[in-house]
Amino acid sequence: MTFKEEEYDAYLDQRNVDPETRASYKKAVLRAMEYFEEHELVFEEAGVSDFEAYIDHLMDAGENSEENILGLARYVYVRDMKEIWIYFAAIIGGREILPSIADRLEEIAGKDVAKEIFSEVKAPPLGSMPEKYCDATSSLMKEFREKLSPEVYQRVLAGNHHHVPVEWFEKHKKKLVELGGDIDAWLKWMHETAVADLELHLREDKVWFEQVITQGIVDYVKENQELLAGVRDGDWIYNTKFPYAPQDYLDEQDPLMKRYYMCHCPLAREAVLSGEPDIPMDWCYCSAGYGKLRYDVAFSEETEAEVLESVFSGSDKCRFRIKIPEKWR
């Protein structure tokens, strides 16, 4: 058992992690290593089921804090433990979404409305597998549909609930200005940049977010500019979601499984397989909010998004459109 502290420190430096949190993260990693050693397992050779057992252990002990889980997840990422990182991405990916939606609901509809709606939504404990979130998602959408208009709850959902740093998209804003506001040229550049990024991850055998990239995936994106970029038609930009499990999606023939491999949402995707609980397509305005963020930043204003189709409408793809602000048309 060897803790690669210098390597981990370098990563935490890049993320500007404060000293107190850094110490908590390191402690979490060392505790996990001790657990695996006690169970006669080599940390970096352990499988997904072994890490699932460890997280269950933390949950049973009431020690499933964000520091304990996120610190371990980030170390796994640093050590390039691909399958384990994908597991962690699944269990931590949704942890901020419901609280973020509650905050945005309070801003848009008021504190009393937010309190009333979320009093009926019971989120599972941190570390839970994604299927545990589906009931909370279904309950939230039921409350939204009963107590708010579609215009209001769609706007609430279409926020930056993954807390993606807007700085990620400053280059998009800069490029749009460099191109003199030529949106078609800008979208073409965006697509070429995305393809080049995938090609880099393929060459270096690095995980791209939660995905392992293959040549087939690169070719799939190359052939459709709507993927990871967009295509303009009139006043709208059309965008198709990149699949959550892209190679499985491309290989799959069964329509149900294809829909499952498309869906990214850690709070709803398990409901694709069983059809229960009911998740309406309007839930995907949360995904639309994630997808339109780059356009919000580039256009310097919050854009209007519309969900056209999704796995919860029976489609095997998730497709959106974003309205171009009037001053950019």
C-alpha atoms as a PDB file:
ATOM      1  CA  MET A   1       0.000   0.000   0.000  1.00  0.00           C
ATOM      2  CA  THR A   2       1.612   3.225  -1.176  1.00  0.00           C
ATOM      3  CA  PHE A   3      -0.097   6.593  -0.907  1.00  0.00           C
ATOM      4  CA  LYS A   4       1.004   8.734  -3.868  1.00  0.00           C
ATOM      5  CA  GLU A   5       0.889  11.931  -1.835  1.00  0.00           C
ATOM      6  CA  GLU A   6       2.964  14.158  -4.118  1.00  0.00           C
ATOM      7  CA  GLU A   7       0.906  13.200  -7.144  1.00  0.00           C
ATOM      8  CA  TYR A   8      -2.312  13.842  -5.233  1.00  0.00           C
ATOM      9  CA  ASP A   9      -1.018  17.163  -3.908  1.00  0.00           C
ATOM     10  CA  ALA A  10      -0.214  18.312  -7.441  1.00  0.00           C
ATOM     11  CA  TYR A  11      -3.793  17.573  -8.498  1.00  0.00           C
ATOM     12  CA  LEU A  12      -5.262  19.328  -5.470  1.00  0.00           C
ATOM     13  CA  ASP A  13      -3.024  22.320  -6.190  1.00  0.00           C
ATOM     14  CA  GLN A  14      -4.568  22.557  -9.654  1.00  0.00           C
ATOM     15  CA  ARG A  15      -8.031  22.644  -8.081  1.00  0.00           C
ATOM     16  CA  ASN A  16      -7.008  25.212  -5.430  1.00  0.00           C
ATOM     17  CA  VAL A  17      -8.186  22.961  -2.598  1.00  0.00           C
ATOM     18  CA  ASP A  18      -7.771  24.701   0.764  1.00  0.00           C
ATOM     19  CA  PRO A  19      -5.467  23.172   3.436  1.00  0.00           C
ATOM     20  CA  GLU A  20      -8.269  21.992   5.733  1.00  0.00           C
ATOM     21  CA  THR A  21     -10.164  20.196   2.962  1.00  0.00           C
ATOM     22  CA  ARG A  22      -6.903  18.806   1.588  1.00  0.00           C
ATOM     23  CA  ALA A  23      -6.099  17.259   4.964  1.00  0.00           C
ATOM     24  CA  SER A  24      -9.588  15.721   5.129  1.00  0.00           C
ATOM     25  CA  TYR A  25      -9.194  14.282   1.626  1.00  0.00           C
ATOM     26  CA  LYS A  26      -5.848  12.689   2.450  1.00  0.00           C
ATOM     27  CA  LYS A  27      -7.207  11.234   5.675  1.00  0.00           C
ATOM     28  CA  ALA A  28     -10.106   9.736   3.712  1.00  0.00           C
ATOM     29  CA  VAL A  29      -7.720   8.040   1.279  1.00  0.00           C
ATOM     30  CA  LEU A  30      -5.518   6.623   4.032  1.00  0.00           C
ATOM     31  CA  ARG A  31      -8.565   5.279   5.906  1.00  0.00           C
ATOM     32  CA  ALA A  32      -9.781   3.559   2.750  1.00  0.00           C
ATOM     33  CA  MET A  33      -6.360   2.031   2.179  1.00  0.00           C
ATOM     34  CA  GLU A  34      -6.326   0.710   5.738  1.00  0.00           C
ATOM     35  CA  TYR A  35      -9.789  -0.787   5.231  1.00  0.00           C
ATOM     36  CA  PHE A  36      -8.706  -2.595   2.076  1.00  0.00           C
ATOM     37  CA  GLU A  37      -5.537  -3.847   3.759  1.00  0.00           C
ATOM     38  CA  GLU A  38      -7.573  -5.180   6.687  1.00  0.00           C
ATOM     39  CA  HIS A  39      -9.746  -7.037   4.168  1.00  0.00           C
ATOM     40  CA  GLU A  40      -6.675  -8.458   2.438  1.00  0.00           C
ATOM     41  CA  LEU A  41      -7.215  -6.388  -0.694  1.00  0.00           C
ATOM     42  CA  VAL A  42      -4.712  -4.309  -2.655  1.00  0.00           C
ATOM     43  CA  PHE A  43      -6.197  -0.823  -3.011  1.00  0.00           C
ATOM     44  CA  GLU A  44      -5.248  -0.234  -6.631  1.00  0.00           C
ATOM     45  CA  GLU A  45      -6.238  -3.758  -7.640  1.00  0.00           C
ATOM     46  CA  ALA A  46      -9.667  -3.694  -5.957  1.00  0.00           C
ATOM     47  CA  GLY A  47     -12.771  -3.881  -8.116  1.00  0.00           C
ATOM     48  CA  VAL A  48     -15.944  -1.818  -8.241  1.00  0.00           C
ATOM     49  CA  SER A  49     -17.749  -4.235  -5.898  1.00  0.00           C
ATOM     50  CA  ASP A  50     -14.976  -3.771  -3.328  1.00  0.00           C
ATOM     51  CA  PHE A  51     -15.370  -0.004  -3.415  1.00  0.00           C
ATOM     52  CA  GLU A  52     -19.155  -0.368  -3.232  1.00  0.00           C
ATOM     53  CA  ALA A  53     -18.684  -2.413  -0.066  1.00  0.00           C
ATOM     54  CA  TYR A  54     -16.435   0.275   1.387  1.00  0.00           C
ATOM     55  CA  ILE A  55     -18.931   3.052   0.667  1.00  0.00           C
ATOM     56  CA  ASP A  56     -21.680   0.909   2.235  1.00  0.00           C
ATOM     57  CA  HIS A  57     -19.384   0.598   5.262  1.00  0.00           C
ATOM     58  CA  LEU A  58     -19.090   4.393   5.474  1.00  0.00           C
ATOM     59  CA  MET A  59     -22.850   4.801   5.158  1.00  0.00           C
ATOM     60  CA  ASP A  60     -23.532   2.219   7.876  1.00  0.00           C
ATOM     61  CA  ALA A  61     -21.074   3.994  10.173  1.00  0.00           C
ATOM     62  CA  GLY A  62     -22.538   7.431   9.440  1.00  0.00           C
ATOM     63  CA  GLU A  63     -19.210   8.507   7.970  1.00  0.00           C
ATOM     64  CA  ASN A  64     -20.385   9.118   4.405  1.00  0.00           C
ATOM     65  CA  SER A  65     -19.350  12.774   4.469  1.00  0.00           C
ATOM     66  CA  GLU A  66     -18.529  14.672   1.309  1.00  0.00           C
ATOM     67  CA  GLU A  67     -14.865  14.858   2.330  1.00  0.00           C
ATOM     68  CA  ASN A  68     -14.627  11.090   2.866  1.00  0.00           C
ATOM     69  CA  ILE A  69     -16.272  10.209  -0.443  1.00  0.00           C
ATOM     70  CA  LEU A  70     -15.101  13.048  -2.670  1.00  0.00           C
ATOM     71  CA  GLY A  71     -11.538  12.869  -1.360  1.00  0.00           C
ATOM     72  CA  LEU A  72     -11.369   9.182  -2.225  1.00  0.00           C
ATOM     73  CA  ALA A  73     -13.030   9.747  -5.607  1.00  0.00           C
ATOM     74  CA  ARG A  74     -10.486  12.363  -6.581  1.00  0.00           C
ATOM     75  CA  TYR A  75      -7.575  10.153  -5.576  1.00  0.00           C
ATOM     76  CA  VAL A  76      -8.983   7.329  -7.703  1.00  0.00           C
ATOM     77  CA  TYR A  77      -9.160   9.774 -10.618  1.00  0.00           C
ATOM     78  CA  VAL A  78      -5.542  10.831 -10.093  1.00  0.00           C
ATOM     79  CA  ARG A  79      -4.433   7.201 -10.078  1.00  0.00           C
ATOM     80  CA  ASP A  80      -6.266   6.613 -13.389  1.00  0.00           C
ATOM     81  CA  MET A  81      -8.417   3.809 -11.952  1.00  0.00           C
ATOM     82  CA  LYS A  82     -10.950   4.174 -14.760  1.00  0.00           C
ATOM     83  CA  GLU A  83     -13.698   1.749 -13.756  1.00  0.00           C
ATOM     84  CA  ILE A  84     -13.573   2.864 -10.131  1.00  0.00           C
ATOM     85  CA  TRP A  85     -13.703   6.530 -11.128  1.00  0.00           C
ATOM     86  CA  ILE A  86     -16.779   5.876 -13.290  1.00  0.00           C
ATOM     87  CA  TYR A  87     -18.452   4.270 -10.259  1.00  0.00           C
ATOM     88  CA  PHE A  88     -17.611   7.290  -8.098  1.00  0.00           C
ATOM     89  CA  ALA A  89     -18.814   9.685 -10.777  1.00  0.00           C
ATOM     90  CA  ALA A  90     -22.160   7.891 -10.668  1.00  0.00           C
ATOM     91  CA  ILE A  91     -22.594   8.205  -6.894  1.00  0.00           C
ATOM     92  CA  ILE A  92     -21.339  11.769  -6.495  1.00  0.00           C
ATOM     93  CA  GLY A  93     -22.620  13.290  -9.744  1.00  0.00           C
ATOM     94  CA  GLY A  94     -26.058  14.107  -8.394  1.00  0.00           C
ATOM     95  CA  ARG A  95     -25.180  15.244  -4.891  1.00  0.00           C
ATOM     96  CA  GLU A  96     -25.510  18.982  -5.619  1.00  0.00           C
ATOM     97  CA  ILE A  97     -28.445  18.924  -8.011  1.00  0.00           C
ATOM     98  CA  LEU A  98     -31.463  18.836  -5.680  1.00  0.00           C
ATOM     99  CA  PRO A  99     -30.056  21.482  -3.285  1.00  0.00           C
ATOM    100  CA  SER A 100     -29.226  23.675  -6.281  1.00  0.00           C
ATOM    101  CA  ILE A 101     -32.742  23.305  -7.703  1.00  0.00           C
ATOM    102  CA  ALA A 102     -34.151  24.212  -4.282  1.00  0.00           C
ATOM    103  CA  ASP A 103     -32.031  27.389  -4.191  1.00  0.00           C
ATOM    104  CA  ARG A 104     -33.071  28.423  -7.701  1.00  0.00           C
ATOM    105  CA  LEU A 105     -36.716  27.679  -6.927  1.00  0.00           C
ATOM    106  CA  GLU A 106     -36.487  29.980  -3.920  1.00  0.00           C
ATOM    107  CA  GLU A 107     -34.987  32.748  -6.089  1.00  0.00           C
ATOM    108  CA  ILE A 108     -37.678  32.435  -8.760  1.00  0.00           C
ATOM    109  CA  ALA A 109     -40.833  31.438  -6.843  1.00  0.00           C
ATOM    110  CA  GLY A 110     -40.063  32.470  -3.281  1.00  0.00           C
ATOM    111  CA  LYS A 111     -38.942  30.861  -0.042  1.00  0.00           C
ATOM    112  CA  ASP A 112     -42.382  29.618   1.002  1.00  0.00           C
ATOM    113  CA  VAL A 113     -43.015  27.833  -2.293  1.00  0.00           C
ATOM    114  CA  ALA A 114     -39.581  26.199  -2.201  1.00  0.00           C
ATOM    115  CA  LYS A 115     -40.116  25.031   1.376  1.00  0.00           C
ATOM    116  CA  GLU A 116     -43.556  23.609   0.570  1.00  0.00           C
ATOM    117  CA  ILE A 117     -42.366  21.699  -2.494  1.00  0.00           C
ATOM    118  CA  PHE A 118     -39.151  20.297  -1.030  1.00  0.00           C
ATOM    119  CA  SER A 119     -40.887  19.186   2.166  1.00  0.00           C
ATOM    120  CA  GLU A 120     -42.294  16.384  -0.013  1.00  0.00           C
ATOM    121  CA  VAL A 121     -38.935  15.416  -1.596  1.00  0.00           C
ATOM    122  CA  LYS A 122     -36.776  12.939   0.290  1.00  0.00           C
ATOM    123  CA  ALA A 123     -33.224  12.668  -1.066  1.00  0.00           C
ATOM    124  CA  PRO A 124     -31.201   9.517  -0.295  1.00  0.00           C
ATOM    125  CA  PRO A 125     -27.966   9.725   1.748  1.00  0.00           C
ATOM    126  CA  LEU A 126     -24.681  10.629   0.063  1.00  0.00           C
ATOM    127  CA  GLY A 127     -23.033   7.550  -1.432  1.00  0.00           C
ATOM    128  CA  SER A 128     -26.305   5.963  -2.529  1.00  0.00           C
ATOM    129  CA  MET A 129     -26.429   4.293  -5.904  1.00  0.00           C
ATOM    130  CA  PRO A 130     -28.186   6.320  -8.625  1.00  0.00           C
ATOM    131  CA  GLU A 131     -31.379   4.220  -8.597  1.00  0.00           C
ATOM    132  CA  LYS A 132     -32.074   5.469  -5.070  1.00  0.00           C
ATOM    133  CA  TYR A 133     -32.563   9.008  -6.413  1.00  0.00           C
ATOM    134  CA  CYS A 134     -35.364   8.197  -8.855  1.00  0.00           C
ATOM    135  CA  ASP A 135     -38.168   8.396  -6.287  1.00  0.00           C
ATOM    136  CA  ALA A 136     -36.987  11.852  -5.191  1.00  0.00           C
ATOM    137  CA  THR A 137     -36.887  13.031  -8.802  1.00  0.00           C
ATOM    138  CA  SER A 138     -40.374  11.699  -9.487  1.00  0.00           C
ATOM    139  CA  SER A 139     -41.716  13.333  -6.295  1.00  0.00           C
ATOM    140  CA  LEU A 140     -40.155  16.665  -7.237  1.00  0.00           C
ATOM    141  CA  MET A 141     -41.703  16.620 -10.703  1.00  0.00           C
ATOM    142  CA  LYS A 142     -45.093  15.704  -9.231  1.00  0.00           C
ATOM    143  CA  GLU A 143     -44.878  18.700  -6.899  1.00  0.00           C
ATOM    144  CA  PHE A 144     -43.756  20.991  -9.720  1.00  0.00           C
ATOM    145  CA  ARG A 145     -46.627  19.965 -11.983  1.00  0.00           C
ATOM    146  CA  GLU A 146     -49.201  20.366  -9.232  1.00  0.00           C
ATOM    147  CA  LYS A 147     -48.013  23.688  -7.848  1.00  0.00           C
ATOM    148  CA  LEU A 148     -46.221  25.565 -10.639  1.00  0.00           C
ATOM    149  CA  SER A 149     -46.766  26.391 -14.289  1.00  0.00           C
ATOM    150  CA  PRO A 150     -44.535  24.651 -16.852  1.00  0.00           C
ATOM    151  CA  GLU A 151     -42.930  27.989 -17.688  1.00  0.00           C
ATOM    152  CA  VAL A 152     -41.828  28.461 -14.085  1.00  0.00           C
ATOM    153  CA  TYR A 153     -40.581  24.969 -13.284  1.00  0.00           C
ATOM    154  CA  GLN A 154     -38.855  24.621 -16.655  1.00  0.00           C
ATOM    155  CA  ARG A 155     -36.968  27.827 -15.918  1.00  0.00           C
ATOM    156  CA  VAL A 156     -36.118  26.573 -12.430  1.00  0.00           C
ATOM    157  CA  LEU A 157     -34.750  23.313 -13.824  1.00  0.00           C
ATOM    158  CA  ALA A 158     -32.765  24.952 -16.622  1.00  0.00           C
ATOM    159  CA  GLY A 159     -30.074  26.344 -14.359  1.00  0.00           C
ATOM    160  CA  ASN A 160     -26.433  25.484 -13.791  1.00  0.00           C
ATOM    161  CA  HIS A 161     -27.234  22.814 -11.213  1.00  0.00           C
ATOM    162  CA  HIS A 162     -23.959  20.960 -11.704  1.00  0.00           C
ATOM    163  CA  HIS A 163     -22.150  24.160 -10.683  1.00  0.00           C
ATOM    164  CA  VAL A 164     -19.935  24.062 -13.747  1.00  0.00           C
ATOM    165  CA  PRO A 165     -17.432  26.950 -13.541  1.00  0.00           C
ATOM    166  CA  VAL A 166     -18.424  29.585 -16.102  1.00  0.00           C
ATOM    167  CA  GLU A 167     -14.702  30.129 -16.697  1.00  0.00           C
ATOM    168  CA  TRP A 168     -14.730  26.904 -18.702  1.00  0.00           C
ATOM    169  CA  PHE A 169     -16.614  28.713 -21.436  1.00  0.00           C
ATOM    170  CA  GLU A 170     -14.827  32.052 -21.536  1.00  0.00           C
ATOM    171  CA  LYS A 171     -12.884  30.771 -24.568  1.00  0.00           C
ATOM    172  CA  HIS A 172     -16.217  30.311 -26.364  1.00  0.00           C
ATOM    173  CA  LYS A 173     -17.152  33.913 -25.655  1.00  0.00           C
ATOM    174  CA  LYS A 174     -13.751  35.154 -26.801  1.00  0.00           C
ATOM    175  CA  LYS A 175     -13.901  33.116 -30.018  1.00  0.00           C
ATOM    176  CA  LEU A 176     -17.379  34.369 -30.887  1.00  0.00           C
ATOM    177  CA  VAL A 177     -16.114  37.946 -30.638  1.00  0.00           C
ATOM    178  CA  GLU A 178     -13.000  37.098 -32.694  1.00  0.00           C
ATOM    179  CA  LEU A 179     -15.261  35.715 -35.426  1.00  0.00           C
ATOM    180  CA  GLY A 180     -17.279  38.917 -35.494  1.00  0.00           C
ATOM    181  CA  GLY A 181     -20.399  37.226 -34.171  1.00  0.00           C
ATOM    182  CA  ASP A 182     -20.497  34.698 -37.026  1.00  0.00           C
ATOM    183  CA  ILE A 183     -22.437  31.985 -35.200  1.00  0.00           C
ATOM    184  CA  ASP A 184     -22.144  29.370 -37.937  1.00  0.00           C
ATOM    185  CA  ALA A 185     -18.354  29.696 -38.031  1.00  0.00           C
ATOM    186  CA  TRP A 186     -18.279  29.682 -34.239  1.00  0.00           C
ATOM    187  CA  LEU A 187     -20.277  26.459 -34.006  1.00  0.00           C
ATOM    188  CA  LYS A 188     -17.996  24.846 -36.577  1.00  0.00           C
ATOM    189  CA  TRP A 189     -14.953  25.855 -34.502  1.00  0.00           C
ATOM    190  CA  MET A 190     -16.628  24.522 -31.356  1.00  0.00           C
ATOM    191  CA  HIS A 191     -17.207  21.157 -33.014  1.00  0.00           C
ATOM    192  CA  GLU A 192     -13.662  20.903 -34.376  1.00  0.00           C
ATOM    193  CA  THR A 193     -12.294  21.767 -30.925  1.00  0.00           C
ATOM    194  CA  ALA A 194     -14.427  19.057 -29.284  1.00  0.00           C
ATOM    195  CA  VAL A 195     -13.296  16.441 -31.800  1.00  0.00           C
ATOM    196  CA  ALA A 196      -9.641  17.404 -31.245  1.00  0.00           C
ATOM    197  CA  ASP A 197     -10.142  17.054 -27.479  1.00  0.00           C
ATOM    198  CA  LEU A 198     -11.611  13.565 -27.897  1.00  0.00           C
ATOM    199  CA  GLU A 199      -8.748  12.586 -30.166  1.00  0.00           C
ATOM    200  CA  LEU A 200      -6.267  13.750 -27.529  1.00  0.00           C
ATOM    201  CA  HIS A 201      -7.962  11.654 -24.832  1.00  0.00           C
ATOM    202  CA  LEU A 202      -7.945   8.670 -27.190  1.00  0.00           C
ATOM    203  CA  ARG A 203      -4.214   9.033 -27.899  1.00  0.00           C
ATOM    204  CA  GLU A 204      -3.337   9.452 -24.237  1.00  0.00           C
ATOM    205  CA  ASP A 205      -5.798   6.776 -23.049  1.00  0.00           C
ATOM    206  CA  LYS A 206      -7.385   9.154 -20.559  1.00  0.00           C
ATOM    207  CA  VAL A 207     -10.951   9.133 -19.259  1.00  0.00           C
ATOM    208  CA  TRP A 208     -12.998  11.982 -20.751  1.00  0.00           C
ATOM    209  CA  PHE A 209     -15.350  12.944 -17.907  1.00  0.00           C
ATOM    210  CA  GLU A 210     -16.925   9.516 -17.191  1.00  0.00           C
ATOM    211  CA  GLN A 211     -16.163   7.994 -20.597  1.00  0.00           C
ATOM    212  CA  VAL A 212     -13.377   5.917 -22.077  1.00  0.00           C
ATOM    213  CA  ILE A 213     -12.903   7.195 -25.645  1.00  0.00           C
ATOM    214  CA  THR A 214     -12.550   4.912 -28.692  1.00  0.00           C
ATOM    215  CA  GLN A 215     -11.991   5.665 -32.369  1.00  0.00           C
ATOM    216  CA  GLY A 216     -15.625   4.764 -33.019  1.00  0.00           C
ATOM    217  CA  ILE A 217     -16.742   7.455 -30.573  1.00  0.00           C
ATOM    218  CA  VAL A 218     -14.496  10.048 -32.219  1.00  0.00           C
ATOM    219  CA  ASP A 219     -15.933   9.162 -35.629  1.00  0.00           C
ATOM    220  CA  TYR A 220     -19.494   9.339 -34.263  1.00  0.00           C
ATOM    221  CA  VAL A 221     -18.942  12.898 -33.045  1.00  0.00           C
ATOM    222  CA  LYS A 222     -17.139  13.916 -36.238  1.00  0.00           C
ATOM    223  CA  GLU A 223     -20.177  12.957 -38.287  1.00  0.00           C
ATOM    224  CA  ASN A 224     -22.681  15.113 -36.363  1.00  0.00           C
ATOM    225  CA  GLN A 225     -21.969  18.747 -35.480  1.00  0.00           C
ATOM    226  CA  GLU A 226     -24.934  18.777 -33.097  1.00  0.00           C
ATOM    227  CA  LEU A 227     -22.848  16.604 -30.753  1.00  0.00           C
ATOM    228  CA  LEU A 228     -20.704  18.657 -28.337  1.00  0.00           C
ATOM    229  CA  ALA A 229     -21.435  21.773 -30.394  1.00  0.00           C
ATOM    230  CA  GLY A 230     -24.541  22.762 -32.338  1.00  0.00           C
ATOM    231  CA  VAL A 231     -26.130  23.535 -35.692  1.00  0.00           C
ATOM    232  CA  ARG A 232     -27.927  26.781 -36.370  1.00  0.00           C
ATOM    233  CA  ASP A 233     -31.343  26.849 -38.026  1.00  0.00           C
ATOM    234  CA  GLY A 234     -32.911  30.280 -38.081  1.00  0.00           C
ATOM    235  CA  ASP A 235     -33.011  31.783 -34.603  1.00  0.00           C
ATOM    236  CA  TRP A 236     -32.208  28.490 -32.875  1.00  0.00           C
ATOM    237  CA  ILE A 237     -29.134  26.351 -32.200  1.00  0.00           C
ATOM    238  CA  TYR A 238     -29.858  22.613 -32.178  1.00  0.00           C
ATOM    239  CA  ASN A 239     -27.845  20.332 -29.907  1.00  0.00           C
ATOM    240  CA  THR A 240     -27.874  16.558 -29.404  1.00  0.00           C
ATOM    241  CA  LYS A 241     -26.609  15.144 -26.113  1.00  0.00           C
ATOM    242  CA  PHE A 242     -23.435  13.072 -26.156  1.00  0.00           C
ATOM    243  CA  PRO A 243     -24.297   9.606 -24.705  1.00  0.00           C
ATOM    244  CA  TYR A 244     -23.379   8.757 -21.128  1.00  0.00           C
ATOM    245  CA  ALA A 245     -21.934   5.380 -22.177  1.00  0.00           C
ATOM    246  CA  PRO A 246     -21.040   6.171 -25.785  1.00  0.00           C
ATOM    247  CA  GLN A 247     -19.462   2.907 -26.919  1.00  0.00           C
ATOM    248  CA  ASP A 248     -22.233   0.828 -25.353  1.00  0.00           C
ATOM    249  CA  TYR A 249     -24.742   3.160 -26.994  1.00  0.00           C
ATOM    250  CA  LEU A 250     -23.151   2.750 -30.417  1.00  0.00           C
ATOM    251  CA  ASP A 251     -22.943  -1.041 -30.080  1.00  0.00           C
ATOM    252  CA  GLU A 252     -26.418  -1.597 -28.633  1.00  0.00           C
ATOM    253  CA  GLN A 253     -29.330  -2.804 -30.765  1.00  0.00           C
ATOM    254  CA  ASP A 254     -32.001  -3.124 -28.080  1.00  0.00           C
ATOM    255  CA  PRO A 255     -34.057   0.133 -28.043  1.00  0.00           C
ATOM    256  CA  LEU A 256     -34.510   0.158 -24.263  1.00  0.00           C
ATOM    257  CA  MET A 257     -30.846  -0.369 -23.495  1.00  0.00           C
ATOM    258  CA  LYS A 258     -29.892   2.238 -26.085  1.00  0.00           C
ATOM    259  CA  ARG A 259     -32.026   4.771 -24.225  1.00  0.00           C
ATOM    260  CA  TYR A 260     -30.376   3.740 -20.963  1.00  0.00           C
ATOM    261  CA  TYR A 261     -26.880   4.199 -22.350  1.00  0.00           C
ATOM    262  CA  MET A 262     -27.855   7.628 -23.661  1.00  0.00           C
ATOM    263  CA  CYS A 263     -29.036   9.045 -20.323  1.00  0.00           C
ATOM    264  CA  HIS A 264     -26.542  10.967 -18.167  1.00  0.00           C
ATOM    265  CA  CYS A 265     -28.834  11.889 -15.305  1.00  0.00           C
ATOM    266  CA  PRO A 266     -27.736  10.308 -12.001  1.00  0.00           C
ATOM    267  CA  LEU A 267     -31.135  11.186 -10.533  1.00  0.00           C
ATOM    268  CA  ALA A 268     -33.264   9.499 -13.198  1.00  0.00           C
ATOM    269  CA  ARG A 269     -31.448   7.145 -15.596  1.00  0.00           C
ATOM    270  CA  GLU A 270     -32.203   3.943 -13.667  1.00  0.00           C
ATOM    271  CA  ALA A 271     -35.921   4.623 -14.217  1.00  0.00           C
ATOM    272  CA  VAL A 272     -35.340   4.185 -17.960  1.00  0.00           C
ATOM    273  CA  LEU A 273     -34.898   0.433 -17.454  1.00  0.00           C
ATOM    274  CA  SER A 274     -37.899  -0.262 -15.231  1.00  0.00           C
ATOM    275  CA  GLY A 275     -40.218   2.510 -16.389  1.00  0.00           C
ATOM    276  CA  GLU A 276     -40.775   3.303 -12.716  1.00  0.00           C
ATOM    277  CA  PRO A 277     -41.161   5.676 -11.074  1.00  0.00           C
ATOM    278  CA  ASP A 278     -42.633   8.031 -13.642  1.00  0.00           C
ATOM    279  CA  ILE A 279     -40.127  10.627 -14.867  1.00  0.00           C
ATOM    280  CA  PRO A 280     -41.642  13.125 -17.323  1.00  0.00           C
ATOM    281  CA  MET A 281     -39.613  14.563 -20.188  1.00  0.00           C
ATOM    282  CA  ASP A 282     -39.800  18.001 -18.572  1.00  0.00           C
ATOM    283  CA  TRP A 283     -37.239  16.764 -16.023  1.00  0.00           C
ATOM    284  CA  CYS A 284     -34.726  17.027 -18.872  1.00  0.00           C
ATOM    285  CA  TYR A 285     -34.865  20.830 -18.667  1.00  0.00           C
ATOM    286  CA  CYS A 286     -32.171  20.259 -16.033  1.00  0.00           C
ATOM    287  CA  SER A 287     -30.019  18.703 -18.751  1.00  0.00           C
ATOM    288  CA  ALA A 288     -30.948  21.574 -21.073  1.00  0.00           C
ATOM    289  CA  GLY A 289     -29.630  23.983 -18.450  1.00  0.00           C
ATOM    290  CA  TYR A 290     -26.316  22.139 -18.394  1.00  0.00           C
ATOM    291  CA  GLY A 291     -26.129  22.120 -22.194  1.00  0.00           C
ATOM    292  CA  LYS A 292     -26.986  25.787 -22.691  1.00  0.00           C
ATOM    293  CA  LEU A 293     -24.469  27.142 -20.181  1.00  0.00           C
ATOM    294  CA  ARG A 294     -21.791  27.655 -22.826  1.00  0.00           C
ATOM    295  CA  TYR A 295     -24.260  29.760 -24.818  1.00  0.00           C
ATOM    296  CA  ASP A 296     -25.289  31.762 -21.746  1.00  0.00           C
ATOM    297  CA  VAL A 297     -21.637  32.634 -21.181  1.00  0.00           C
ATOM    298  CA  ALA A 298     -20.847  33.361 -24.820  1.00  0.00           C
ATOM    299  CA  PHE A 299     -23.932  35.547 -25.346  1.00  0.00           C
ATOM    300  CA  SER A 300     -23.576  37.199 -21.902  1.00  0.00           C
ATOM    301  CA  GLU A 301     -27.201  36.492 -20.995  1.00  0.00           C
ATOM    302  CA  GLU A 302     -29.393  33.595 -19.945  1.00  0.00           C
ATOM    303  CA  THR A 303     -30.739  31.915 -23.055  1.00  0.00           C
ATOM    304  CA  GLU A 304     -34.048  30.170 -23.643  1.00  0.00           C
ATOM    305  CA  ALA A 305     -33.844  26.398 -24.063  1.00  0.00           C
ATOM    306  CA  GLU A 306     -36.400  23.838 -25.184  1.00  0.00           C
ATOM    307  CA  VAL A 307     -36.363  20.064 -24.775  1.00  0.00           C
ATOM    308  CA  LEU A 308     -37.298  18.503 -28.116  1.00  0.00           C
ATOM    309  CA  GLU A 309     -36.948  14.803 -27.307  1.00  0.00           C
ATOM    310  CA  SER A 310     -35.363  12.637 -24.640  1.00  0.00           C
ATOM    311  CA  VAL A 311     -35.173   9.089 -23.353  1.00  0.00           C
ATOM    312  CA  PHE A 312     -38.199   9.957 -21.206  1.00  0.00           C
ATOM    313  CA  SER A 313     -40.253  10.672 -24.315  1.00  0.00           C
ATOM    314  CA  GLY A 314     -39.320   7.268 -25.735  1.00  0.00           C
ATOM    315  CA  SER A 315     -36.498   8.522 -27.958  1.00  0.00           C
ATOM    316  CA  ASP A 316     -33.030   7.008 -28.066  1.00  0.00           C
ATOM    317  CA  LYS A 317     -31.483  10.468 -28.053  1.00  0.00           C
ATOM    318  CA  CYS A 318     -31.801  13.674 -26.073  1.00  0.00           C
ATOM    319  CA  ARG A 319     -32.097  16.761 -28.243  1.00  0.00           C
ATOM    320  CA  PHE A 320     -32.515  20.418 -27.375  1.00  0.00           C
ATOM    321  CA  ARG A 321     -32.582  23.796 -28.979  1.00  0.00           C
ATOM    322  CA  ILE A 322     -31.292  27.101 -27.646  1.00  0.00           C
ATOM    323  CA  LYS A 323     -32.676  30.421 -28.836  1.00  0.00           C
ATOM    324  CA  ILE A 324     -30.133  32.912 -30.101  1.00  0.00           C
ATOM    325  CA  PRO A 325     -30.575  36.272 -28.323  1.00  0.00           C
ATOM    326  CA  GLU A 326     -31.961  38.988 -30.570  1.00  0.00           C
ATOM    327  CA  LYS A 327     -28.808  41.106 -30.595  1.00  0.00           C
ATOM    328  CA  TRP A 328     -26.804  38.159 -32.004  1.00  0.00           C
ATOM    329  CA  ARG A 329     -29.176  37.236 -34.854  1.00  0.00           C
END
